[in-house]
């Protein structure tokens, strides 16, 4: 799969950010340039990104709630060379092979391609459409399936999103 940014690049962002799954910022990072309500903005080496952890995560298997261990759960929007707001998601587990993740913004759905523990929109055009919806929205919900058959539903607040994206774009202009 061709992606706008590599999985290794996303993993590096997570280690720099220091988010824990479903929690607020766990440790300070020297490259954080702003915090806008529920979104943080980071800049490093020609890339800038807005990121947030979910406010709520629900895990189910066969329709029943289950307790599962997940790694970092983060929604990213990245700016930089050849990226003008790329949407990506780290689910904290390997997605089911051949599956897609569904991003819903205030009830409107968008499919995302999965690969390993990452999901991306399919194209720059999709990124632009999703970015516009996120800027107008109040809540984003990502639903996906793990390789072990667990369905996850992660709810992200969009409070501060537009201001964070404006700052991330400005940092990389």
Foldseek 3Di string as FASTA:
>chain_A
DDDPDDPVVVVVVCVQQCDWALDPRPDDHPQFDDDFVQWTWGDDDFKIKIKGHFPDKFKDAPRHTDDDDFGHWMWMFMDGVVGLTWTKTFQRFFFAPPWWKWKAFVRDIATWDGDGRMTTHPDNVVRVVVLVSLVVGAKIWIWGAHNVRMIMITIHGSRRVVVNSVVRNVVND
